[in-house]
C-alpha atoms as a PDB file:
ATOM      1  CA  MET A   1      19.281 -12.445  11.616  1.00  0.00           C
ATOM      2  CA  ASP A   2      16.854 -10.068  12.286  1.00  0.00           C
ATOM      3  CA  LEU A   3      16.495  -7.319  15.211  1.00  0.00           C
ATOM      4  CA  ILE A   4      14.354  -8.804  17.400  1.00  0.00           C
ATOM      5  CA  PHE A   5      16.109 -12.545  17.604  1.00  0.00           C
ATOM      6  CA  LEU A   6      19.206 -10.087  18.119  1.00  0.00           C
ATOM      7  CA  ILE A   7      17.970  -7.822  21.047  1.00  0.00           C
ATOM      8  CA  ILE A   8      17.096 -11.255  22.692  1.00  0.00           C
ATOM      9  CA  LEU A   9      20.197 -12.509  22.176  1.00  0.00           C
ATOM     10  CA  ALA A  10      21.782  -9.470  23.848  1.00  0.00           C
ATOM     11  CA  LEU A  11      19.519  -9.299  26.701  1.00  0.00           C
ATOM     12  CA  ALA A  12      20.318 -12.787  27.358  1.00  0.00           C
ATOM     13  CA  LEU A  13      24.014 -12.098  27.136  1.00  0.00           C
ATOM     14  CA  GLY A  14      23.411  -9.272  29.602  1.00  0.00           C
ATOM     15  CA  THR A  15      21.401 -11.258  32.806  1.00  0.00           C
ATOM     16  CA  ASP A  16      24.960 -12.431  34.168  1.00  0.00           C
ATOM     17  CA  ALA A  17      26.226  -8.392  34.460  1.00  0.00           C
ATOM     18  CA  PHE A  18      22.297  -7.723  35.760  1.00  0.00           C
ATOM     19  CA  SER A  19      22.443 -10.171  38.400  1.00  0.00           C
ATOM     20  CA  LEU A  20      25.604  -9.272  39.656  1.00  0.00           C
ATOM     21  CA  CYS A  21      25.096  -5.339  38.911  1.00  0.00           C
ATOM     22  CA  VAL A  22      21.687  -6.305  41.163  1.00  0.00           C
ATOM     23  CA  GLY A  23      23.815  -7.719  43.989  1.00  0.00           C
ATOM     24  CA  LEU A  24      26.026  -4.767  43.915  1.00  0.00           C
ATOM     25  CA  GLY A  25      23.414  -1.819  43.517  1.00  0.00           C
ATOM     26  CA  LEU A  26      21.949  -3.980  46.924  1.00  0.00           C
ATOM     27  CA  ALA A  27      25.657  -3.406  48.386  1.00  0.00           C
ATOM     28  CA  GLY A  28      25.631   0.215  47.726  1.00  0.00           C
ATOM     29  CA  VAL A  29      27.862   1.955  44.376  1.00  0.00           C
ATOM     30  CA  ASN A  30      28.030   5.628  44.108  1.00  0.00           C
ATOM     31  CA  PHE A  31      27.270   6.705  40.876  1.00  0.00           C
ATOM     32  CA  ARG A  32      30.920   7.370  39.600  1.00  0.00           C
ATOM     33  CA  GLN A  33      31.217   3.343  40.373  1.00  0.00           C
ATOM     34  CA  SER A  34      27.844   2.858  38.635  1.00  0.00           C
ATOM     35  CA  ILE A  35      29.116   4.663  35.199  1.00  0.00           C
ATOM     36  CA  ALA A  36      32.753   2.935  35.229  1.00  0.00           C
ATOM     37  CA  LEU A  37      31.613  -0.378  35.522  1.00  0.00           C
ATOM     38  CA  SER A  38      28.525  -0.149  32.973  1.00  0.00           C
ATOM     39  CA  LEU A  39      31.139   1.069  30.220  1.00  0.00           C
ATOM     40  CA  THR A  40      33.686  -1.583  31.086  1.00  0.00           C
ATOM     41  CA  ILE A  41      30.940  -4.200  30.499  1.00  0.00           C
ATOM     42  CA  LEU A  42      29.772  -2.373  27.241  1.00  0.00           C
ATOM     43  CA  PHE A  43      33.206  -2.891  26.236  1.00  0.00           C
ATOM     44  CA  PHE A  44      33.617  -6.139  27.409  1.00  0.00           C
ATOM     45  CA  HIS A  45      30.323  -7.369  25.705  1.00  0.00           C
ATOM     46  CA  ILE A  46      31.653  -5.352  22.374  1.00  0.00           C
ATOM     47  CA  PHE A  47      35.196  -7.019  22.559  1.00  0.00           C
ATOM     48  CA  MET A  48      34.716 -10.467  23.957  1.00  0.00           C
ATOM     49  CA  PRO A  49      32.063 -11.066  20.828  1.00  0.00           C
ATOM     50  CA  LEU A  50      34.439  -9.723  18.601  1.00  0.00           C
ATOM     51  CA  ALA A  51      37.572 -11.739  19.304  1.00  0.00           C
ATOM     52  CA  GLY A  52      34.913 -14.936  19.679  1.00  0.00           C
ATOM     53  CA  TRP A  53      33.561 -14.189  16.445  1.00  0.00           C
ATOM     54  CA  GLN A  54      36.986 -14.234  14.492  1.00  0.00           C
ATOM     55  CA  ILE A  55      37.515 -17.478  15.844  1.00  0.00           C
ATOM     56  CA  GLY A  56      33.793 -18.616  14.699  1.00  0.00           C
ATOM     57  CA  GLU A  57      34.357 -17.245  11.251  1.00  0.00           C
ATOM     58  CA  ILE A  58      37.874 -18.864  10.361  1.00  0.00           C
ATOM     59  CA  VAL A  59      36.199 -22.210  11.810  1.00  0.00           C
ATOM     60  CA  GLY A  60      33.046 -21.910   9.945  1.00  0.00           C
ATOM     61  CA  ASN A  61      35.028 -21.045   6.898  1.00  0.00           C
ATOM     62  CA  TYR A  62      36.720 -24.684   7.292  1.00  0.00           C
ATOM     63  CA  LEU A  63      34.371 -26.449   8.866  1.00  0.00           C
ATOM     64  CA  GLY A  64      30.982 -25.193   7.515  1.00  0.00           C
ATOM     65  CA  ARG A  65      27.175 -26.614   8.813  1.00  0.00           C
ATOM     66  CA  LEU A  66      29.581 -28.638  11.558  1.00  0.00           C
ATOM     67  CA  ALA A  67      30.597 -25.206  13.032  1.00  0.00           C
ATOM     68  CA  SER A  68      27.360 -23.991  12.922  1.00  0.00           C
ATOM     69  CA  LEU A  69      26.425 -27.012  15.221  1.00  0.00           C
ATOM     70  CA  ALA A  70      29.013 -26.635  17.471  1.00  0.00           C
ATOM     71  CA  GLY A  71      28.314 -23.150  18.072  1.00  0.00           C
ATOM     72  CA  ALA A  72      24.587 -23.978  18.690  1.00  0.00           C
ATOM     73  CA  LEU A  73      26.100 -26.721  21.015  1.00  0.00           C
ATOM     74  CA  ILE A  74      28.057 -23.925  23.055  1.00  0.00           C
ATOM     75  CA  LEU A  75      24.968 -21.770  23.526  1.00  0.00           C
ATOM     76  CA  ILE A  76      22.845 -24.952  24.837  1.00  0.00           C
ATOM     77  CA  TYR A  77      25.627 -25.557  26.918  1.00  0.00           C
ATOM     78  CA  LEU A  78      25.729 -22.140  28.351  1.00  0.00           C
ATOM     79  CA  GLY A  79      22.381 -21.894  29.045  1.00  0.00           C
ATOM     80  CA  VAL A  80      22.313 -25.172  30.795  1.00  0.00           C
ATOM     81  CA  HIS A  81      25.472 -24.139  32.800  1.00  0.00           C
ATOM     82  CA  LEU A  82      24.016 -20.612  34.038  1.00  0.00           C
ATOM     83  CA  ILE A  83      20.569 -22.323  35.114  1.00  0.00           C
ATOM     84  CA  TRP A  84      22.281 -24.971  37.115  1.00  0.00           C
ATOM     85  CA  ALA A  85      24.958 -22.182  38.441  1.00  0.00           C
ATOM     86  CA  THR A  86      21.894 -20.142  39.543  1.00  0.00           C
ATOM     87  CA  ARG A  87      19.978 -23.163  41.298  1.00  0.00           C
ATOM     88  CA  HIS A  88      22.678 -24.196  43.301  1.00  0.00           C
ATOM     89  CA  LYS A  89      24.629 -20.927  43.869  1.00  0.00           C
ATOM     90  CA  THR A  90      24.872 -20.056  47.701  1.00  0.00           C
ATOM     91  CA  ASN A  91      24.152 -16.412  48.142  1.00  0.00           C
ATOM     92  CA  GLN A  92      27.788 -14.646  48.081  1.00  0.00           C
ATOM     93  CA  GLU A  93      27.915 -10.653  48.718  1.00  0.00           C
ATOM     94  CA  ILE A  94      30.364  -9.358  45.919  1.00  0.00           C
ATOM     95  CA  SER A  95      32.384  -7.118  47.634  1.00  0.00           C
ATOM     96  CA  THR A  96      32.048  -3.220  46.169  1.00  0.00           C
ATOM     97  CA  ARG A  97      35.535  -2.983  47.233  1.00  0.00           C
ATOM     98  CA  LEU A  98      36.625  -4.296  43.731  1.00  0.00           C
ATOM     99  CA  LEU A  99      35.300  -1.108  42.352  1.00  0.00           C
ATOM    100  CA  ASN A 100      37.930   0.844  43.927  1.00  0.00           C
ATOM    101  CA  SER A 101      40.810  -0.029  41.359  1.00  0.00           C
ATOM    102  CA  GLY A 102      40.751  -0.490  37.523  1.00  0.00           C
ATOM    103  CA  TRP A 103      41.920  -4.144  38.044  1.00  0.00           C
ATOM    104  CA  GLY A 104      38.555  -5.169  39.916  1.00  0.00           C
ATOM    105  CA  TYR A 105      36.733  -3.517  36.840  1.00  0.00           C
ATOM    106  CA  PHE A 106      38.330  -5.104  35.019  1.00  0.00           C
ATOM    107  CA  LEU A 107      38.111  -8.733  36.457  1.00  0.00           C
ATOM    108  CA  LEU A 108      34.459  -7.541  36.647  1.00  0.00           C
ATOM    109  CA  GLY A 109      33.851  -6.828  32.930  1.00  0.00           C
ATOM    110  CA  LEU A 110      35.698 -10.083  31.854  1.00  0.00           C
ATOM    111  CA  SER A 111      33.540 -12.506  34.372  1.00  0.00           C
ATOM    112  CA  VAL A 112      30.677 -11.340  32.932  1.00  0.00           C
ATOM    113  CA  SER A 113      31.289 -11.377  29.464  1.00  0.00           C
ATOM    114  CA  MET A 114      32.826 -14.741  28.826  1.00  0.00           C
ATOM    115  CA  ASP A 115      29.640 -16.190  27.495  1.00  0.00           C
ATOM    116  CA  ALA A 116      29.742 -12.906  24.891  1.00  0.00           C
ATOM    117  CA  LEU A 117      32.915 -14.877  23.896  1.00  0.00           C
ATOM    118  CA  SER A 118      31.478 -18.036  23.453  1.00  0.00           C
ATOM    119  CA  ALA A 119      28.235 -16.225  21.890  1.00  0.00           C
ATOM    120  CA  GLY A 120      30.750 -14.442  19.246  1.00  0.00           C
ATOM    121  CA  PHE A 121      32.005 -17.668  18.252  1.00  0.00           C
ATOM    122  CA  SER A 122      28.290 -19.306  17.634  1.00  0.00           C
ATOM    123  CA  LEU A 123      27.760 -15.920  15.608  1.00  0.00           C
ATOM    124  CA  GLY A 124      30.995 -15.804  13.713  1.00  0.00           C
ATOM    125  CA  THR A 125      29.578 -19.273  12.083  1.00  0.00           C
ATOM    126  CA  GLN A 126      26.117 -17.736  11.002  1.00  0.00           C
ATOM    127  CA  LYS A 127      27.614 -14.736   8.451  1.00  0.00           C
ATOM    128  CA  ILE A 128      25.821 -12.027  10.328  1.00  0.00           C
ATOM    129  CA  SER A 129      26.379  -8.421  10.261  1.00  0.00           C
ATOM    130  CA  LEU A 130      29.232  -7.761  12.754  1.00  0.00           C
ATOM    131  CA  PHE A 131      29.138  -4.228  13.437  1.00  0.00           C
ATOM    132  CA  TRP A 132      25.170  -4.354  14.075  1.00  0.00           C
ATOM    133  CA  THR A 133      25.426  -7.094  16.493  1.00  0.00           C
ATOM    134  CA  VAL A 134      28.186  -6.229  18.614  1.00  0.00           C
ATOM    135  CA  THR A 135      26.948  -2.658  18.992  1.00  0.00           C
ATOM    136  CA  VAL A 136      23.678  -3.972  20.145  1.00  0.00           C
ATOM    137  CA  ILE A 137      25.032  -6.984  22.308  1.00  0.00           C
ATOM    138  CA  GLY A 138      27.404  -4.075  24.109  1.00  0.00           C
ATOM    139  CA  LEU A 139      24.483  -1.232  24.287  1.00  0.00           C
ATOM    140  CA  VAL A 140      22.353  -3.662  25.763  1.00  0.00           C
ATOM    141  CA  ALA A 141      24.731  -4.816  28.254  1.00  0.00           C
ATOM    142  CA  GLY A 142      25.909  -1.621  29.077  1.00  0.00           C
ATOM    143  CA  LEU A 143      21.930  -0.637  29.675  1.00  0.00           C
ATOM    144  CA  MET A 144      21.200  -3.954  31.847  1.00  0.00           C
ATOM    145  CA  THR A 145      24.337  -3.224  33.825  1.00  0.00           C
ATOM    146  CA  LEU A 146      23.411   0.293  34.733  1.00  0.00           C
ATOM    147  CA  GLY A 147      19.903  -0.731  35.214  1.00  0.00           C
ATOM    148  CA  GLY A 148      20.952  -3.699  37.974  1.00  0.00           C
ATOM    149  CA  LEU A 149      22.572  -1.462  39.708  1.00  0.00           C
ATOM    150  CA  VAL A 150      20.241   1.855  40.062  1.00  0.00           C
ATOM    151  CA  GLY A 151      17.501  -0.673  40.206  1.00  0.00           C
ATOM    152  CA  GLY A 152      19.648  -3.252  43.000  1.00  0.00           C
ATOM    153  CA  ARG A 153      18.456  -1.128  45.576  1.00  0.00           C
ATOM    154  CA  TYR A 154      14.955  -1.877  44.982  1.00  0.00           C
ATOM    155  CA  PHE A 155      14.748  -5.710  43.943  1.00  0.00           C
ATOM    156  CA  SER A 156      15.402  -8.581  46.207  1.00  0.00           C
ATOM    157  CA  ARG A 157      18.288 -10.964  45.400  1.00  0.00           C
ATOM    158  CA  LEU A 158      16.084 -13.209  43.983  1.00  0.00           C
ATOM    159  CA  ALA A 159      15.323 -10.634  41.344  1.00  0.00           C
ATOM    160  CA  GLY A 160      18.784 -11.386  39.903  1.00  0.00           C
ATOM    161  CA  ARG A 161      18.539 -15.264  40.403  1.00  0.00           C
ATOM    162  CA  ARG A 162      15.049 -15.196  38.525  1.00  0.00           C
ATOM    163  CA  ALA A 163      17.352 -13.209  35.506  1.00  0.00           C
ATOM    164  CA  GLN A 164      20.026 -15.754  35.129  1.00  0.00           C
ATOM    165  CA  MET A 165      17.164 -18.546  34.931  1.00  0.00           C
ATOM    166  CA  CYS A 166      15.475 -16.636  32.169  1.00  0.00           C
ATOM    167  CA  GLY A 167      18.499 -15.957  30.764  1.00  0.00           C
ATOM    168  CA  GLY A 168      19.516 -19.567  30.272  1.00  0.00           C
ATOM    169  CA  LEU A 169      16.195 -20.412  29.166  1.00  0.00           C
ATOM    170  CA  VAL A 170      17.092 -17.949  26.489  1.00  0.00           C
ATOM    171  CA  LEU A 171      20.441 -19.130  25.626  1.00  0.00           C
ATOM    172  CA  ILE A 172      18.752 -22.468  25.277  1.00  0.00           C
ATOM    173  CA  GLY A 173      16.168 -21.483  23.107  1.00  0.00           C
ATOM    174  CA  VAL A 174      18.569 -19.262  21.033  1.00  0.00           C
ATOM    175  CA  GLY A 175      20.896 -22.640  20.345  1.00  0.00           C
ATOM    176  CA  VAL A 176      18.280 -24.713  19.781  1.00  0.00           C
ATOM    177  CA  LYS A 177      17.062 -21.545  16.945  1.00  0.00           C
ATOM    178  CA  LEU A 178      20.645 -22.053  15.470  1.00  0.00           C
ATOM    179  CA  PHE A 179      20.677 -25.723  15.599  1.00  0.00           C
ATOM    180  CA  PHE A 180      17.850 -26.495  12.957  1.00  0.00           C
END
């Protein structure tokens, strides 16, 4: 897998965090909360693909090409689901009160990184560099989180939805690429 493909995948996986953080940025977060949430999401976007990777590698060793196809289908499903959820989502505010506790950070980090678990499963079937993959995914997600929080004051809620739509399309594209 080349670096450009990996960065595109990382950008797609970071769109949930970016979209969430645009909303949080619009609602108002302080500097400490921005840094803490960015680091939390960075951690989750490293840990979740690693967990998925281990599962994918084990399954990949036993099922070979079938596991690779299953991983590609999961990414396509995630992309379609992300687009569908974005189109049917109501404008719900996520309270910044969640950022007043460690539990809130944990829940937000976990919620925006579930797709990274599935991506890790898919990537584990592909036999690619573990270290660089999770490093790039984590750094990109952390930077997108920080960018969403900081830029939230300047972007409308529509920009967050468009980012999710683009992320869904990219996940579908990555899934199709892995399928063939």
